[in-house]
Structure formats: structure tokens, C-alpha cells
């Protein structure tokens, strides 16, 4: 049996502001924007190349800005960081974890190079570099 993670709810205070950030700043594709009722709207977006989407404004019972650590995996951390910064996203520098668990500047080897950023509500995202195939 296949178990596929396909949608991650991201609680936001203002769906329009979040939709603009995720689509225009991060480059996520808007899959649909549906007004369910007078009080409920669902906006689903998918990161380029991903099989998993995010839903903004989904009724999760979670406060806006409380989601932390959602990871996107990229083949080139420096290029991904530069792309986000070029789109106006405030991103951290590249960092890695040392053997003692402390953070250090720069990449630290296979699967150990990260960049982080927050959406307008403070939901925290992490980019992680995957090693080259081969």
C-alpha cells in the first residue's frame, strides 16, 4: 500500500497576502482558489517539481505562524537561496549542523546544508540541499 503525503495545511491570517507570497515570492503554482462558504476559503499551491502541495486557510485549529520546520529539498542550496533572495524573500545564509549539534556557517557535506525563511505570518520553512546523484 502506498502512503503519499500530498497536502500540508499552513495556517495564515490573511489568505490573499499568503497567496501572493507563496505564488509570487516563492514561485509556487496556484492549483486552485476555492471559496467554500462565506467564512471558508481554500487556496492550494504546489512548489515547482513537488508532488506535495500546501493549503492556505485550511481549518486546522492551529494559529497562524505556528508551523515550523516544513522542508523543501533542492539540488543546489546556493542557487535556491539566490532565487528566493532575488524574489524579495528574507532568507538566512547557508548553514549546517556540526557534530556537536551546533549551527555553523556554510554547507557541511551531503544532506547538511540548509537555508531558512519565514512566510508573512511567521510560519518557518527550511531548504535542505540533497547530494548530487551519481
C-alpha atoms as a PDB file:
ATOM      1  CA  UNK A   1       0.000   0.000   0.000  1.00  0.00           C
ATOM      2  CA  UNK A   2       1.334   3.451  -0.951  1.00  0.00           C
ATOM      3  CA  UNK A   3       1.033   6.249   1.591  1.00  0.00           C
ATOM      4  CA  UNK A   4       1.623   9.604  -0.014  1.00  0.00           C
ATOM      5  CA  UNK A   5       1.814  12.930   1.724  1.00  0.00           C
ATOM      6  CA  UNK A   6       0.008  15.232  -0.683  1.00  0.00           C
ATOM      7  CA  UNK A   7      -1.158  18.309   1.256  1.00  0.00           C
ATOM      8  CA  UNK A   8       0.279  20.220   4.213  1.00  0.00           C
ATOM      9  CA  UNK A   9      -2.022  22.834   5.793  1.00  0.00           C
ATOM     10  CA  UNK A  10      -0.374  26.177   6.518  1.00  0.00           C
ATOM     11  CA  UNK A  11      -2.398  28.391   8.868  1.00  0.00           C
ATOM     12  CA  UNK A  12      -2.380  32.047   7.816  1.00  0.00           C
ATOM     13  CA  UNK A  13      -4.119  35.209   8.980  1.00  0.00           C
ATOM     14  CA  UNK A  14      -4.721  36.699   5.524  1.00  0.00           C
ATOM     15  CA  UNK A  15      -5.153  34.273   2.635  1.00  0.00           C
ATOM     16  CA  UNK A  16      -4.623  36.956  -0.019  1.00  0.00           C
ATOM     17  CA  UNK A  17      -1.301  38.098   1.485  1.00  0.00           C
ATOM     18  CA  UNK A  18      -0.151  34.491   1.890  1.00  0.00           C
ATOM     19  CA  UNK A  19      -1.242  33.532  -1.628  1.00  0.00           C
ATOM     20  CA  UNK A  20       0.767  36.422  -3.069  1.00  0.00           C
ATOM     21  CA  UNK A  21       3.843  35.458  -1.018  1.00  0.00           C
ATOM     22  CA  UNK A  22       3.716  31.758  -1.918  1.00  0.00           C
ATOM     23  CA  UNK A  23       2.919  32.288  -5.602  1.00  0.00           C
ATOM     24  CA  UNK A  24       4.905  35.431  -6.438  1.00  0.00           C
ATOM     25  CA  UNK A  25       7.801  35.283  -3.978  1.00  0.00           C
ATOM     26  CA  UNK A  26       8.305  31.528  -3.695  1.00  0.00           C
ATOM     27  CA  UNK A  27       7.122  30.629  -7.202  1.00  0.00           C
ATOM     28  CA  UNK A  28       4.574  28.034  -6.060  1.00  0.00           C
ATOM     29  CA  UNK A  29       1.907  27.164  -8.660  1.00  0.00           C
ATOM     30  CA  UNK A  30      -1.672  28.058  -7.678  1.00  0.00           C
ATOM     31  CA  UNK A  31      -3.646  24.823  -8.138  1.00  0.00           C
ATOM     32  CA  UNK A  32      -6.963  26.273  -7.069  1.00  0.00           C
ATOM     33  CA  UNK A  33      -8.563  29.049  -5.058  1.00  0.00           C
ATOM     34  CA  UNK A  34     -11.984  27.975  -3.829  1.00  0.00           C
ATOM     35  CA  UNK A  35     -14.483  29.872  -1.679  1.00  0.00           C
ATOM     36  CA  UNK A  36     -16.127  27.039   0.303  1.00  0.00           C
ATOM     37  CA  UNK A  37     -18.549  29.255   2.199  1.00  0.00           C
ATOM     38  CA  UNK A  38     -18.891  32.838   3.330  1.00  0.00           C
ATOM     39  CA  UNK A  39     -16.315  32.097   6.053  1.00  0.00           C
ATOM     40  CA  UNK A  40     -14.070  29.483   4.482  1.00  0.00           C
ATOM     41  CA  UNK A  41     -11.665  29.731   1.547  1.00  0.00           C
ATOM     42  CA  UNK A  42      -9.106  27.157   0.461  1.00  0.00           C
ATOM     43  CA  UNK A  43      -6.073  28.097  -1.623  1.00  0.00           C
ATOM     44  CA  UNK A  44      -3.863  25.194  -2.712  1.00  0.00           C
ATOM     45  CA  UNK A  45      -0.385  25.758  -4.142  1.00  0.00           C
ATOM     46  CA  UNK A  46       2.400  23.386  -5.182  1.00  0.00           C
ATOM     47  CA  UNK A  47       6.149  24.046  -5.090  1.00  0.00           C
ATOM     48  CA  UNK A  48       7.804  23.586  -8.514  1.00  0.00           C
ATOM     49  CA  UNK A  49       8.597  19.909  -9.068  1.00  0.00           C
ATOM     50  CA  UNK A  50       6.839  18.739  -5.896  1.00  0.00           C
ATOM     51  CA  UNK A  51       4.218  16.009  -5.511  1.00  0.00           C
ATOM     52  CA  UNK A  52       3.047  17.628  -2.264  1.00  0.00           C
ATOM     53  CA  UNK A  53       1.038  20.851  -2.037  1.00  0.00           C
ATOM     54  CA  UNK A  54       0.231  23.334   0.697  1.00  0.00           C
ATOM     55  CA  UNK A  55      -3.214  24.618   1.587  1.00  0.00           C
ATOM     56  CA  UNK A  56      -3.576  28.118   2.969  1.00  0.00           C
ATOM     57  CA  UNK A  57      -6.506  28.975   5.146  1.00  0.00           C
ATOM     58  CA  UNK A  58      -7.435  25.374   5.819  1.00  0.00           C
ATOM     59  CA  UNK A  59      -9.350  24.912   9.080  1.00  0.00           C
ATOM     60  CA  UNK A  60      -6.554  23.308  11.085  1.00  0.00           C
ATOM     61  CA  UNK A  61      -7.248  24.714  14.533  1.00  0.00           C
ATOM     62  CA  UNK A  62      -3.651  25.941  14.509  1.00  0.00           C
ATOM     63  CA  UNK A  63      -2.754  29.595  14.989  1.00  0.00           C
ATOM     64  CA  UNK A  64      -1.264  31.500  12.032  1.00  0.00           C
ATOM     65  CA  UNK A  65       2.526  31.425  12.169  1.00  0.00           C
ATOM     66  CA  UNK A  66       2.752  28.320  14.346  1.00  0.00           C
ATOM     67  CA  UNK A  67       4.012  25.857  11.723  1.00  0.00           C
ATOM     68  CA  UNK A  68       7.795  25.400  11.895  1.00  0.00           C
ATOM     69  CA  UNK A  69      10.274  23.220  10.043  1.00  0.00           C
ATOM     70  CA  UNK A  70       8.483  22.362   6.805  1.00  0.00           C
ATOM     71  CA  UNK A  71      11.319  21.314   4.492  1.00  0.00           C
ATOM     72  CA  UNK A  72      11.825  21.718   0.788  1.00  0.00           C
ATOM     73  CA  UNK A  73      14.690  19.717  -0.711  1.00  0.00           C
ATOM     74  CA  UNK A  74      16.699  21.346  -3.511  1.00  0.00           C
ATOM     75  CA  UNK A  75      19.636  20.230  -5.673  1.00  0.00           C
ATOM     76  CA  UNK A  76      21.624  23.465  -5.228  1.00  0.00           C
ATOM     77  CA  UNK A  77      21.268  25.378  -1.956  1.00  0.00           C
ATOM     78  CA  UNK A  78      23.178  28.446  -3.167  1.00  0.00           C
ATOM     79  CA  UNK A  79      21.071  28.751  -6.338  1.00  0.00           C
ATOM     80  CA  UNK A  80      17.833  28.259  -4.397  1.00  0.00           C
ATOM     81  CA  UNK A  81      18.872  30.861  -1.835  1.00  0.00           C
ATOM     82  CA  UNK A  82      19.806  33.334  -4.584  1.00  0.00           C
ATOM     83  CA  UNK A  83      16.475  32.752  -6.352  1.00  0.00           C
ATOM     84  CA  UNK A  84      14.477  33.420  -3.181  1.00  0.00           C
ATOM     85  CA  UNK A  85      16.535  36.480  -2.271  1.00  0.00           C
ATOM     86  CA  UNK A  86      16.072  37.759  -5.835  1.00  0.00           C
ATOM     87  CA  UNK A  87      12.317  37.419  -5.377  1.00  0.00           C
ATOM     88  CA  UNK A  88      12.466  39.533  -2.221  1.00  0.00           C
ATOM     89  CA  UNK A  89      12.293  36.739   0.369  1.00  0.00           C
ATOM     90  CA  UNK A  90      14.310  37.346   3.538  1.00  0.00           C
ATOM     91  CA  UNK A  91      16.419  34.187   3.753  1.00  0.00           C
ATOM     92  CA  UNK A  92      19.170  33.115   6.110  1.00  0.00           C
ATOM     93  CA  UNK A  93      22.676  32.403   4.967  1.00  0.00           C
ATOM     94  CA  UNK A  94      23.622  28.810   4.228  1.00  0.00           C
ATOM     95  CA  UNK A  95      24.293  26.867   7.437  1.00  0.00           C
ATOM     96  CA  UNK A  96      24.938  23.322   8.600  1.00  0.00           C
ATOM     97  CA  UNK A  97      24.945  21.316  11.810  1.00  0.00           C
ATOM     98  CA  UNK A  98      28.285  20.412  13.390  1.00  0.00           C
ATOM     99  CA  UNK A  99      28.855  17.018  15.025  1.00  0.00           C
ATOM    100  CA  UNK A 100      28.038  18.563  18.418  1.00  0.00           C
ATOM    101  CA  UNK A 101      24.651  19.784  17.107  1.00  0.00           C
ATOM    102  CA  UNK A 102      25.619  23.453  16.956  1.00  0.00           C
ATOM    103  CA  UNK A 103      24.946  25.539  13.861  1.00  0.00           C
ATOM    104  CA  UNK A 104      27.826  26.714  11.694  1.00  0.00           C
ATOM    105  CA  UNK A 105      28.066  28.853   8.563  1.00  0.00           C
ATOM    106  CA  UNK A 106      28.280  27.258   5.119  1.00  0.00           C
ATOM    107  CA  UNK A 107      27.480  23.782   3.888  1.00  0.00           C
ATOM    108  CA  UNK A 108      28.556  20.765   5.872  1.00  0.00           C
ATOM    109  CA  UNK A 109      28.531  17.882   3.424  1.00  0.00           C
ATOM    110  CA  UNK A 110      25.831  15.603   1.989  1.00  0.00           C
ATOM    111  CA  UNK A 111      22.333  16.432   3.297  1.00  0.00           C
ATOM    112  CA  UNK A 112      23.871  19.013   5.658  1.00  0.00           C
ATOM    113  CA  UNK A 113      23.338  22.403   4.002  1.00  0.00           C
ATOM    114  CA  UNK A 114      20.296  24.487   4.927  1.00  0.00           C
ATOM    115  CA  UNK A 115      18.658  27.878   4.408  1.00  0.00           C
ATOM    116  CA  UNK A 116      15.628  29.067   6.338  1.00  0.00           C
ATOM    117  CA  UNK A 117      12.937  31.700   5.874  1.00  0.00           C
ATOM    118  CA  UNK A 118       9.527  32.641   7.243  1.00  0.00           C
ATOM    119  CA  UNK A 119       6.284  33.456   5.467  1.00  0.00           C
ATOM    120  CA  UNK A 120       4.446  36.718   6.308  1.00  0.00           C
ATOM    121  CA  UNK A 121       2.740  35.045   9.309  1.00  0.00           C
ATOM    122  CA  UNK A 122       5.970  33.592  10.706  1.00  0.00           C
ATOM    123  CA  UNK A 123       5.487  30.003   9.552  1.00  0.00           C
ATOM    124  CA  UNK A 124       9.045  28.664   9.303  1.00  0.00           C
ATOM    125  CA  UNK A 125      10.420  26.911   6.243  1.00  0.00           C
ATOM    126  CA  UNK A 126      13.754  25.168   5.663  1.00  0.00           C
ATOM    127  CA  UNK A 127      15.525  24.420   2.395  1.00  0.00           C
ATOM    128  CA  UNK A 128      17.831  21.402   2.504  1.00  0.00           C
ATOM    129  CA  UNK A 129      20.357  20.509  -0.196  1.00  0.00           C
ATOM    130  CA  UNK A 130      20.360  16.925  -1.395  1.00  0.00           C
ATOM    131  CA  UNK A 131      23.615  15.439  -2.608  1.00  0.00           C
ATOM    132  CA  UNK A 132      24.164  15.186  -6.359  1.00  0.00           C
ATOM    133  CA  UNK A 133      23.043  11.928  -7.909  1.00  0.00           C
ATOM    134  CA  UNK A 134      25.665   9.595  -9.181  1.00  0.00           C
END
